[in-house]
Amino acid sequence: MDILTAFFEINKAIIYFVYGLAFFVMGLVVALQSRQSSRLELARSLNWLAGFGILHGLNEWGDLFIPIQSTYLPVPAVNLLFVLQLVLLALSFTSLFAFGVSLLKPFGINKWLAAAPTGLFILWVFATFFLLTPIYQDETTWHHVSNALARYFIAFPGGLLAAYSLREHAKRRILPLKVPTIYAALRVSGIALGAYAILGGLFPPPIPFWPGNVINADTIQMWIGIPPLAFRALIGLLLSVATIRALEIFKLETDQRIELLERDSIVSAERERLARDLHDGAIQKVYTAGLLVQSASKLTEPHSELSNRMERAAAALNDAIADLRSNLQTLHEGTPAQIEPLVDLLKHVAADPHYTTMVNIELTTNLTPESNLSPLRSGHLMGMVNEAMSNILRHARARHVRLNAEKQGAFLKIVVKDDGNGFTPVPSSGYGLRNMRDRARLLNGTLEIDTKPGKGTTIILEIPWED
């Protein structure tokens, strides 16, 4: 035990340097990596963590450099440096407390908790410079007591709150992003902050009252032979490595933005190509077919079955031309058309005469007009529903279709069930089914197709409400 104690005593300067360096580097890297333009809520809180790291590193270096400067500076100047070190210590703990509060703000916090870091710092300043100064005339005792108060009342609750907040934030905001390495790094950072709250908040220098006169840095070193300073240095290294590792989430966010810009560029070029193809090919051909049907209808007997069918065919072709022109306009604009409430879109499908003349559609839903997706996601969703209905009309020979849409917590579930022929699923699906699966992946959802020959087909789509 004496050998161990002597080892740490000899190397105390190195431990102070490593301790301060770990926190200072963490704070500096976090400050440089903070992305104010980021859409992640974590970015708004990192400045507080950076402040904690930089201020705490400077405070710990004070224990290393102030004794060196005391050999040539006058006593008042040295005392002023110790006071400045105390203020840095309290400010670092306040920043840590504020980091925890900031992480919890998106989830809702009480006003008293939001004001707690500033309020505790003001109380500490008042107690240190107005209450303790006349009580403790000895500079060392005054310094130790002020240090202990900062640890007990700011570092300990602030560290525990920061650990809890980081854990909750990682679970609610980072885990759904499916980046397990970054989520694990944030979990490790939270554990390190919790450990620091205990080792940095409950083991102050020796003070003349309980509990600091029984449990303090000196008694811990006497009991186990290792000073809490060494443990705090290890925790600082762990916190620094884990936090810097977690900052890679901003690189991922930047990569995703670049990928989105590239994808938008590709989609824009493809949109222009499709617009030209629609205008030069599909619309002209459908228009020609419409003229041929109209001319053929003039050769039929008025009010005959053939004449009526010709009129319906001409009306369908006119509707197709209108739809193609609407799509052409949307492609030229480069933005999705105005999207109606989701429940209204589903009602339009259930009442569409193109479908209802062939099958009976029963719609059940618990959606309200306020239950909406973004225009782009609504477009993908309705594209899947219409594809399912088209498949039923072309292949299923069904008489009845049940269309069900339910909001189930954070998810939207769409079920399309028919009483038609069904089919045998094969790995190489047709274009329509592949298109539906691709859209489901774009919506971050799942698509299940349950079918057997003669048993009808059930299509189940589940997507999250959030993009």
Protein backbone atom coordinates (compact mmCIF):
# COMPACT_ATOMS: atom_id res chain seq x y z
CA MET A 1 0.00 0.00 0.00
CA ASP A 2 2.85 2.40 0.86
CA ILE A 3 4.53 1.63 -2.46
CA LEU A 4 1.29 2.31 -4.33
CA THR A 5 0.72 5.55 -2.45
CA ALA A 6 4.30 6.64 -3.12
CA PHE A 7 3.92 5.84 -6.82
CA PHE A 8 0.87 8.06 -7.21
CA GLU A 9 2.45 10.80 -5.12
CA ILE A 10 5.54 10.83 -7.33
CA ASN A 11 3.50 10.85 -10.51
CA LYS A 12 0.81 13.25 -9.32
CA ALA A 13 1.93 15.92 -11.79
CA ILE A 14 1.59 13.52 -14.71
CA ILE A 15 -1.88 12.47 -13.53
CA TYR A 16 -2.96 16.12 -13.26
CA PHE A 17 -1.66 16.79 -16.75
CA VAL A 18 -3.38 13.73 -18.30
CA TYR A 19 -6.57 14.49 -16.37
CA GLY A 20 -6.71 18.07 -17.60
CA LEU A 21 -5.63 17.11 -21.12
CA ALA A 22 -8.40 14.49 -21.49
CA PHE A 23 -11.14 16.95 -20.59
CA PHE A 24 -9.62 19.88 -22.48
CA VAL A 25 -9.19 17.87 -25.71
CA MET A 26 -12.74 16.54 -25.42
CA GLY A 27 -14.12 20.04 -24.94
CA LEU A 28 -12.05 21.47 -27.80
CA VAL A 29 -13.04 18.70 -30.25
CA VAL A 30 -16.71 18.98 -29.30
CA ALA A 31 -16.59 22.76 -29.72
CA LEU A 32 -14.99 22.45 -33.17
CA GLN A 33 -17.40 19.70 -34.25
CA SER A 34 -20.60 21.34 -33.03
CA ARG A 35 -22.88 21.84 -36.03
CA GLN A 36 -25.25 24.73 -35.62
CA SER A 37 -26.72 23.89 -39.03
CA SER A 38 -27.38 20.31 -37.96
CA ARG A 39 -30.94 19.08 -37.71
CA LEU A 40 -30.02 16.82 -34.79
CA GLU A 41 -31.16 18.07 -31.40
CA LEU A 42 -27.89 16.84 -29.89
CA ALA A 43 -26.04 19.63 -31.72
CA ARG A 44 -27.87 22.29 -29.71
CA SER A 45 -26.58 20.87 -26.42
CA LEU A 46 -22.97 20.13 -27.28
CA ASN A 47 -21.71 23.66 -26.57
CA TRP A 48 -22.44 23.09 -22.89
CA LEU A 49 -20.48 19.84 -22.93
CA ALA A 50 -17.62 21.62 -24.71
CA GLY A 51 -17.67 24.31 -22.02
CA PHE A 52 -17.54 21.66 -19.31
CA GLY A 53 -14.54 19.94 -20.90
CA ILE A 54 -12.48 23.09 -21.54
CA LEU A 55 -13.21 24.74 -18.18
CA HIS A 56 -12.66 21.55 -16.22
CA GLY A 57 -9.39 20.86 -18.02
CA LEU A 58 -8.14 24.36 -17.17
CA ASN A 59 -9.19 23.88 -13.55
CA GLU A 60 -7.24 20.63 -13.23
CA TRP A 61 -4.18 22.14 -14.86
CA GLY A 62 -4.39 24.81 -12.18
CA ASP A 63 -3.42 22.19 -9.58
CA LEU A 64 -0.34 21.50 -11.67
CA PHE A 65 0.79 25.01 -12.66
CA ILE A 66 -0.29 27.26 -9.78
CA PRO A 67 2.18 25.63 -7.32
CA ILE A 68 4.92 26.19 -9.91
CA GLN A 69 4.00 29.87 -10.30
CA SER A 70 3.80 30.32 -6.53
CA THR A 71 7.61 30.05 -6.41
CA TYR A 72 8.04 33.44 -8.09
CA LEU A 73 4.66 35.22 -7.84
CA PRO A 74 3.61 37.26 -4.81
CA VAL A 75 1.14 35.69 -2.38
CA PRO A 76 -1.85 37.93 -3.38
CA ALA A 77 -1.37 36.93 -7.04
CA VAL A 78 -1.22 33.24 -6.12
CA ASN A 79 -4.37 33.58 -3.99
CA LEU A 80 -6.10 35.25 -6.93
CA LEU A 81 -5.14 32.30 -9.16
CA PHE A 82 -6.64 29.89 -6.62
CA VAL A 83 -9.86 31.92 -6.59
CA LEU A 84 -9.94 31.88 -10.39
CA GLN A 85 -9.41 28.12 -10.31
CA LEU A 86 -12.37 27.75 -7.95
CA VAL A 87 -14.59 29.80 -10.25
CA LEU A 88 -13.50 27.68 -13.24
CA LEU A 89 -14.37 24.54 -11.27
CA ALA A 90 -17.86 25.79 -10.41
CA LEU A 91 -18.45 27.04 -13.96
CA SER A 92 -17.42 23.69 -15.41
CA PHE A 93 -19.88 21.86 -13.16
CA THR A 94 -22.57 24.40 -14.07
CA SER A 95 -21.93 23.73 -17.77
CA LEU A 96 -22.26 19.99 -17.16
CA PHE A 97 -25.57 20.59 -15.36
CA ALA A 98 -26.76 22.82 -18.22
CA PHE A 99 -25.81 20.10 -20.72
CA GLY A 100 -28.16 17.68 -18.99
CA VAL A 101 -30.95 20.26 -18.86
CA SER A 102 -30.51 21.14 -22.53
CA LEU A 103 -30.78 17.49 -23.60
CA LEU A 104 -34.08 17.13 -21.74
CA LYS A 105 -35.70 20.29 -23.14
CA PRO A 106 -37.18 18.60 -26.23
CA PHE A 107 -38.92 16.11 -23.93
CA GLY A 108 -40.37 18.79 -21.64
CA ILE A 109 -38.91 19.91 -18.30
CA ASN A 110 -40.08 21.99 -15.36
CA LYS A 111 -39.10 25.65 -15.24
CA TRP A 112 -37.30 25.18 -11.94
CA LEU A 113 -35.05 22.53 -13.49
CA ALA A 114 -34.22 24.82 -16.43
CA ALA A 115 -33.14 27.53 -13.97
CA ALA A 116 -31.31 25.13 -11.64
CA PRO A 117 -27.75 25.43 -13.13
CA THR A 118 -27.70 29.25 -13.00
CA GLY A 119 -29.43 29.34 -9.63
CA LEU A 120 -27.02 26.88 -8.03
CA PHE A 121 -24.00 28.75 -9.40
CA ILE A 122 -25.30 32.05 -7.99
CA LEU A 123 -25.91 30.40 -4.60
CA TRP A 124 -22.40 28.94 -4.68
CA VAL A 125 -20.88 32.36 -5.43
CA PHE A 126 -22.87 33.93 -2.57
CA ALA A 127 -21.92 31.19 -0.10
CA THR A 128 -18.25 31.15 -1.13
CA PHE A 129 -17.51 34.87 -1.14
CA PHE A 130 -19.98 36.18 1.43
CA LEU A 131 -20.76 33.40 3.91
CA LEU A 132 -17.59 31.33 4.06
CA THR A 133 -15.05 34.19 3.94
CA PRO A 134 -15.72 35.43 7.51
CA ILE A 135 -16.06 31.85 8.85
CA TYR A 136 -12.83 30.36 7.48
CA GLN A 137 -9.89 32.71 7.75
CA ASP A 138 -7.43 30.05 6.65
CA GLU A 139 -7.08 30.19 2.85
CA THR A 140 -6.61 26.43 2.45
CA THR A 141 -9.67 25.52 4.51
CA TRP A 142 -11.79 28.14 2.71
CA HIS A 143 -10.61 26.79 -0.65
CA HIS A 144 -11.39 23.17 0.30
CA VAL A 145 -14.85 23.99 1.66
CA SER A 146 -15.76 26.02 -1.45
CA ASN A 147 -14.48 23.18 -3.62
CA ALA A 148 -16.59 20.67 -1.68
CA LEU A 149 -19.76 22.77 -1.97
CA ALA A 150 -19.33 23.00 -5.74
CA ARG A 151 -18.91 19.23 -5.96
CA TYR A 152 -21.78 18.35 -3.61
CA PHE A 153 -24.42 20.74 -4.92
CA ILE A 154 -23.50 21.24 -8.61
CA ALA A 155 -21.23 18.42 -9.84
CA PHE A 156 -23.06 15.50 -8.23
CA PRO A 157 -26.66 16.34 -9.31
CA GLY A 158 -25.46 17.86 -12.58
CA GLY A 159 -23.41 14.80 -13.50
CA LEU A 160 -26.26 12.41 -12.69
CA LEU A 161 -28.71 14.52 -14.69
CA ALA A 162 -26.31 14.70 -17.65
CA ALA A 163 -25.84 10.91 -17.56
CA TYR A 164 -29.60 10.31 -17.45
CA SER A 165 -30.32 12.91 -20.14
CA LEU A 166 -27.69 11.52 -22.51
CA ARG A 167 -29.07 8.00 -22.02
CA GLU A 168 -32.65 9.12 -22.73
CA HIS A 169 -31.61 11.22 -25.70
CA ALA A 170 -29.64 8.33 -27.19
CA LYS A 171 -32.56 5.96 -26.70
CA ARG A 172 -35.23 8.29 -28.12
CA ARG A 173 -33.35 10.16 -30.84
CA ILE A 174 -30.26 8.18 -31.86
CA LEU A 175 -31.42 4.57 -31.55
CA PRO A 176 -34.19 5.01 -34.20
CA LEU A 177 -31.53 6.22 -36.65
CA LYS A 178 -30.05 2.70 -36.66
CA VAL A 179 -26.43 3.68 -36.06
CA PRO A 180 -25.49 1.12 -33.38
CA THR A 181 -21.84 2.17 -33.01
CA ILE A 182 -22.75 5.79 -32.30
CA TYR A 183 -25.58 4.75 -30.00
CA ALA A 184 -23.15 2.53 -28.08
CA ALA A 185 -20.62 5.39 -27.86
CA LEU A 186 -23.27 7.70 -26.39
CA ARG A 187 -24.24 5.00 -23.90
CA VAL A 188 -20.60 4.73 -22.82
CA SER A 189 -20.41 8.52 -22.50
CA GLY A 190 -23.50 8.45 -20.30
CA ILE A 191 -22.00 5.76 -18.07
CA ALA A 192 -18.76 7.78 -17.81
CA LEU A 193 -20.70 10.90 -16.80
CA GLY A 194 -22.56 8.91 -14.14
CA ALA A 195 -19.28 7.56 -12.77
CA TYR A 196 -17.82 11.07 -12.79
CA ALA A 197 -20.83 12.38 -10.88
CA ILE A 198 -19.96 9.98 -8.05
CA LEU A 199 -16.17 10.22 -8.08
CA GLY A 200 -16.06 13.91 -8.88
CA GLY A 201 -19.01 14.98 -6.76
CA LEU A 202 -18.76 12.95 -3.54
CA PHE A 203 -15.02 12.88 -2.81
CA PRO A 204 -13.86 16.47 -2.22
CA PRO A 205 -10.70 17.59 -0.42
CA PRO A 206 -10.83 17.18 3.41
CA ILE A 207 -13.23 19.63 5.07
CA PRO A 208 -14.11 20.19 8.76
CA PHE A 209 -17.71 18.92 8.60
CA TRP A 210 -19.66 15.83 7.57
CA PRO A 211 -19.54 14.08 5.18
CA GLY A 212 -16.32 15.58 3.88
CA ASN A 213 -14.50 14.99 7.17
CA VAL A 214 -15.13 11.24 6.84
CA ILE A 215 -15.26 10.53 3.09
CA ASN A 216 -12.88 12.63 1.06
CA ALA A 217 -10.02 12.29 -1.41
CA ASP A 218 -7.44 11.66 1.33
CA THR A 219 -9.43 8.96 3.14
CA ILE A 220 -10.17 7.13 -0.13
CA GLN A 221 -6.47 7.10 -0.96
CA MET A 222 -5.68 5.91 2.55
CA TRP A 223 -8.20 3.06 2.29
CA ILE A 224 -7.38 1.74 -1.19
CA GLY A 225 -4.01 3.29 -1.93
CA ILE A 226 -5.21 4.99 -5.13
CA PRO A 227 -6.36 8.63 -5.14
CA PRO A 228 -9.77 9.46 -6.66
CA LEU A 229 -7.81 11.76 -8.96
CA ALA A 230 -6.47 8.69 -10.84
CA PHE A 231 -9.96 7.26 -11.28
CA ARG A 232 -11.27 10.61 -12.47
CA ALA A 233 -8.43 10.79 -15.00
CA LEU A 234 -9.40 7.35 -16.38
CA ILE A 235 -13.03 8.39 -16.55
CA GLY A 236 -11.99 11.55 -18.37
CA LEU A 237 -10.10 9.50 -20.96
CA LEU A 238 -13.06 7.15 -21.42
CA LEU A 239 -15.49 10.07 -21.72
CA SER A 240 -13.24 11.83 -24.20
CA VAL A 241 -12.81 8.80 -26.48
CA ALA A 242 -16.50 7.82 -26.38
CA THR A 243 -17.75 11.36 -26.99
CA ILE A 244 -15.38 11.99 -29.89
CA ARG A 245 -16.45 8.64 -31.35
CA ALA A 246 -20.10 9.66 -31.07
CA LEU A 247 -19.43 12.89 -32.98
CA GLU A 248 -19.19 10.81 -36.15
CA ILE A 249 -22.96 11.13 -36.31
CA PHE A 250 -22.46 14.61 -37.80
CA LYS A 251 -20.29 13.13 -40.55
CA LEU A 252 -23.04 10.63 -41.28
CA GLU A 253 -25.57 13.44 -41.37
CA THR A 254 -23.40 15.39 -43.82
CA ASP A 255 -22.93 12.31 -46.01
CA GLN A 256 -26.69 11.77 -46.06
CA ARG A 257 -27.29 15.39 -47.08
CA ILE A 258 -24.78 15.05 -49.94
CA GLU A 259 -26.40 11.80 -50.99
CA LEU A 260 -29.82 13.49 -50.90
CA LEU A 261 -28.55 16.33 -53.10
CA GLU A 262 -27.10 13.85 -55.58
CA ARG A 263 -30.32 11.86 -55.56
CA ASP A 264 -32.37 15.02 -56.13
CA SER A 265 -30.15 15.89 -59.07
CA ILE A 266 -30.62 12.44 -60.58
CA VAL A 267 -34.36 12.51 -59.93
CA SER A 268 -34.61 15.95 -61.53
CA ALA A 269 -32.86 14.74 -64.69
CA GLU A 270 -35.03 11.63 -64.78
CA ARG A 271 -38.13 13.78 -64.27
CA GLU A 272 -37.26 15.87 -67.31
CA ARG A 273 -36.69 12.75 -69.41
CA LEU A 274 -40.04 11.30 -68.34
CA ALA A 275 -41.76 14.60 -69.11
CA ARG A 276 -40.38 14.56 -72.65
CA ASP A 277 -41.39 10.91 -73.10
CA LEU A 278 -44.91 11.62 -71.85
CA HIS A 279 -45.34 14.62 -74.12
CA ASP A 280 -43.81 13.14 -77.24
CA GLY A 281 -45.04 9.56 -76.84
CA ALA A 282 -47.73 8.48 -74.39
CA ILE A 283 -50.05 11.51 -74.61
CA GLN A 284 -49.97 11.56 -78.41
CA LYS A 285 -50.69 7.82 -78.64
CA VAL A 286 -53.57 7.95 -76.14
CA TYR A 287 -55.00 11.00 -77.91
CA THR A 288 -54.83 9.16 -81.24
CA ALA A 289 -56.55 6.13 -79.67
CA GLY A 290 -59.29 8.42 -78.40
CA LEU A 291 -59.88 9.83 -81.87
CA LEU A 292 -60.06 6.33 -83.31
CA VAL A 293 -62.60 5.24 -80.68
CA GLN A 294 -64.72 8.36 -81.33
CA SER A 295 -64.67 7.76 -85.09
CA ALA A 296 -65.55 4.09 -84.58
CA SER A 297 -68.47 4.99 -82.30
CA LYS A 298 -70.05 6.94 -85.16
CA LEU A 299 -70.30 3.70 -87.13
CA THR A 300 -72.33 1.93 -84.44
CA GLU A 301 -76.08 1.95 -83.85
CA PRO A 302 -77.11 4.75 -81.46
CA HIS A 303 -77.88 3.59 -77.88
CA SER A 304 -76.68 0.08 -78.66
CA GLU A 305 -74.50 -1.92 -76.23
CA LEU A 306 -71.50 -1.44 -78.50
CA SER A 307 -72.15 2.31 -78.71
CA ASN A 308 -72.36 2.59 -74.91
CA ARG A 309 -69.10 0.71 -74.49
CA MET A 310 -67.44 2.91 -77.07
CA GLU A 311 -68.56 6.00 -75.15
CA ARG A 312 -67.17 4.59 -71.90
CA ALA A 313 -63.90 3.74 -73.64
CA ALA A 314 -63.65 7.28 -75.02
CA ALA A 315 -64.36 8.72 -71.55
CA ALA A 316 -61.67 6.49 -70.02
CA LEU A 317 -59.16 7.62 -72.65
CA ASN A 318 -60.03 11.26 -71.98
CA ASP A 319 -59.47 10.66 -68.25
CA ALA A 320 -56.13 9.05 -69.07
CA ILE A 321 -55.12 12.08 -71.13
CA ALA A 322 -56.10 14.40 -68.26
CA ASP A 323 -54.06 12.31 -65.81
CA LEU A 324 -51.05 12.27 -68.13
CA ARG A 325 -51.20 16.04 -68.53
CA SER A 326 -51.49 16.50 -64.77
CA ASN A 327 -48.46 14.27 -64.28
CA LEU A 328 -46.62 16.17 -67.00
CA GLN A 329 -47.31 19.45 -65.22
CA THR A 330 -46.11 17.98 -61.93
CA LEU A 331 -42.90 16.74 -63.58
CA HIS A 332 -42.22 20.17 -65.06
CA GLU A 333 -42.85 21.90 -61.75
CA GLY A 334 -40.43 19.54 -60.01
CA THR A 335 -42.58 19.41 -56.87
CA PRO A 336 -45.33 17.04 -55.79
CA ALA A 337 -48.89 18.07 -56.49
CA GLN A 338 -51.01 19.36 -53.64
CA ILE A 339 -51.83 16.44 -51.37
CA GLU A 340 -55.24 16.06 -49.75
CA PRO A 341 -55.74 14.60 -46.27
CA LEU A 342 -54.87 10.91 -46.27
CA VAL A 343 -58.35 9.80 -45.25
CA ASP A 344 -59.83 11.72 -48.21
CA LEU A 345 -57.39 10.12 -50.61
CA LEU A 346 -58.44 6.67 -49.41
CA LYS A 347 -62.10 7.61 -49.77
CA HIS A 348 -61.43 8.69 -53.36
CA VAL A 349 -59.95 5.25 -54.07
CA ALA A 350 -62.92 3.49 -52.48
CA ALA A 351 -65.32 5.59 -54.58
CA ASP A 352 -63.33 5.63 -57.83
CA PRO A 353 -65.69 4.44 -60.62
CA HIS A 354 -62.77 2.81 -62.41
CA TYR A 355 -62.62 0.40 -59.47
CA THR A 356 -66.21 0.28 -58.20
CA THR A 357 -67.61 -0.79 -61.57
CA MET A 358 -65.51 -3.94 -61.29
CA VAL A 359 -65.41 -4.76 -57.55
CA ASN A 360 -67.16 -3.79 -54.35
CA ILE A 361 -64.76 -1.81 -52.11
CA GLU A 362 -65.33 -1.60 -48.34
CA LEU A 363 -63.24 1.08 -46.58
CA THR A 364 -62.72 1.06 -42.78
CA THR A 365 -60.43 3.53 -41.07
CA ASN A 366 -59.79 5.33 -37.79
CA LEU A 367 -57.86 8.15 -39.48
CA THR A 368 -58.92 11.77 -39.03
CA PRO A 369 -58.35 14.70 -41.41
CA GLU A 370 -55.43 15.69 -39.16
CA SER A 371 -53.70 12.30 -39.65
CA ASN A 372 -51.45 13.27 -42.52
CA LEU A 373 -48.14 12.28 -44.03
CA SER A 374 -45.83 14.56 -45.98
CA PRO A 375 -46.83 15.09 -49.64
CA LEU A 376 -43.98 12.92 -50.90
CA ARG A 377 -44.81 10.05 -48.53
CA SER A 378 -48.53 10.32 -49.26
CA GLY A 379 -47.70 10.03 -52.95
CA HIS A 380 -45.71 6.83 -52.37
CA LEU A 381 -48.44 5.39 -50.15
CA MET A 382 -51.27 6.07 -52.58
CA GLY A 383 -49.12 4.75 -55.41
CA MET A 384 -48.94 1.43 -53.54
CA VAL A 385 -52.68 1.36 -52.84
CA ASN A 386 -53.52 2.08 -56.48
CA GLU A 387 -51.01 -0.54 -57.62
CA ALA A 388 -52.70 -3.09 -55.36
CA MET A 389 -56.12 -2.16 -56.72
CA SER A 390 -54.88 -2.34 -60.31
CA ASN A 391 -53.45 -5.82 -59.68
CA ILE A 392 -56.79 -6.94 -58.26
CA LEU A 393 -58.68 -5.68 -61.31
CA ARG A 394 -56.23 -7.17 -63.81
CA HIS A 395 -55.51 -10.55 -62.25
CA ALA A 396 -57.58 -11.46 -59.19
CA ARG A 397 -61.11 -11.66 -60.61
CA ALA A 398 -62.27 -10.57 -57.18
CA ARG A 399 -65.77 -9.42 -56.27
CA HIS A 400 -65.06 -7.82 -52.93
CA VAL A 401 -62.10 -5.80 -51.59
CA ARG A 402 -61.61 -4.68 -47.99
CA LEU A 403 -59.42 -1.61 -47.58
CA ASN A 404 -58.45 -0.92 -43.96
CA ALA A 405 -56.30 1.98 -42.70
CA GLU A 406 -55.47 2.29 -39.01
CA LYS A 407 -53.23 4.50 -36.95
CA GLN A 408 -51.49 2.24 -34.43
CA GLY A 409 -49.35 4.40 -32.17
CA ALA A 410 -46.33 5.60 -34.13
CA PHE A 411 -47.23 3.48 -37.16
CA LEU A 412 -49.76 3.50 -39.99
CA LYS A 413 -51.10 0.11 -41.08
CA ILE A 414 -52.77 -0.38 -44.47
CA VAL A 415 -54.45 -3.70 -45.34
CA VAL A 416 -55.85 -4.51 -48.80
CA LYS A 417 -57.68 -7.87 -48.86
CA ASP A 418 -59.55 -9.41 -51.79
CA ASP A 419 -61.54 -12.61 -52.33
CA GLY A 420 -60.02 -13.32 -55.71
CA ASN A 421 -57.96 -16.10 -57.23
CA GLY A 422 -54.78 -15.55 -55.30
CA PHE A 423 -51.48 -16.75 -56.71
CA THR A 424 -48.30 -18.64 -55.89
CA PRO A 425 -45.57 -16.21 -54.77
CA VAL A 426 -42.36 -16.47 -56.78
CA PRO A 427 -38.95 -14.87 -56.06
CA SER A 428 -38.94 -12.98 -59.34
CA SER A 429 -42.02 -10.81 -58.77
CA GLY A 430 -43.56 -8.71 -61.51
CA TYR A 431 -42.85 -5.03 -61.97
CA GLY A 432 -45.89 -3.96 -59.92
CA LEU A 433 -44.94 -5.93 -56.81
CA ARG A 434 -41.29 -4.86 -57.10
CA ASN A 435 -42.44 -1.26 -57.32
CA MET A 436 -44.55 -1.68 -54.18
CA ARG A 437 -41.61 -3.21 -52.28
CA ASP A 438 -39.33 -0.38 -53.41
CA ARG A 439 -41.84 2.21 -52.23
CA ALA A 440 -42.18 0.41 -48.87
CA ARG A 441 -38.41 0.61 -48.40
CA LEU A 442 -38.43 4.31 -49.26
CA LEU A 443 -41.07 4.80 -46.54
CA ASN A 444 -38.93 2.81 -44.06
CA GLY A 445 -41.81 0.37 -43.77
CA THR A 446 -42.57 -3.32 -44.22
CA LEU A 447 -44.71 -4.97 -46.90
CA GLU A 448 -46.19 -8.44 -46.46
CA ILE A 449 -48.13 -10.36 -49.14
CA ASP A 450 -50.19 -13.31 -47.92
CA THR A 451 -51.69 -15.29 -50.78
CA LYS A 452 -52.46 -18.80 -52.00
CA PRO A 453 -54.16 -20.02 -55.15
CA GLY A 454 -57.93 -19.88 -54.62
CA LYS A 455 -57.61 -18.14 -51.21
CA GLY A 456 -57.45 -14.50 -52.24
CA THR A 457 -54.65 -12.07 -51.45
CA THR A 458 -53.92 -9.88 -48.40
CA ILE A 459 -51.40 -7.06 -48.64
CA ILE A 460 -50.24 -5.56 -45.33
CA LEU A 461 -48.19 -2.37 -45.25
CA GLU A 462 -46.79 -0.82 -42.05
CA ILE A 463 -44.91 2.48 -42.12
CA PRO A 464 -43.87 4.93 -39.39
CA TRP A 465 -45.68 8.27 -39.24
CA GLU A 466 -42.40 10.10 -38.82
CA ASP A 467 -40.25 10.42 -41.93
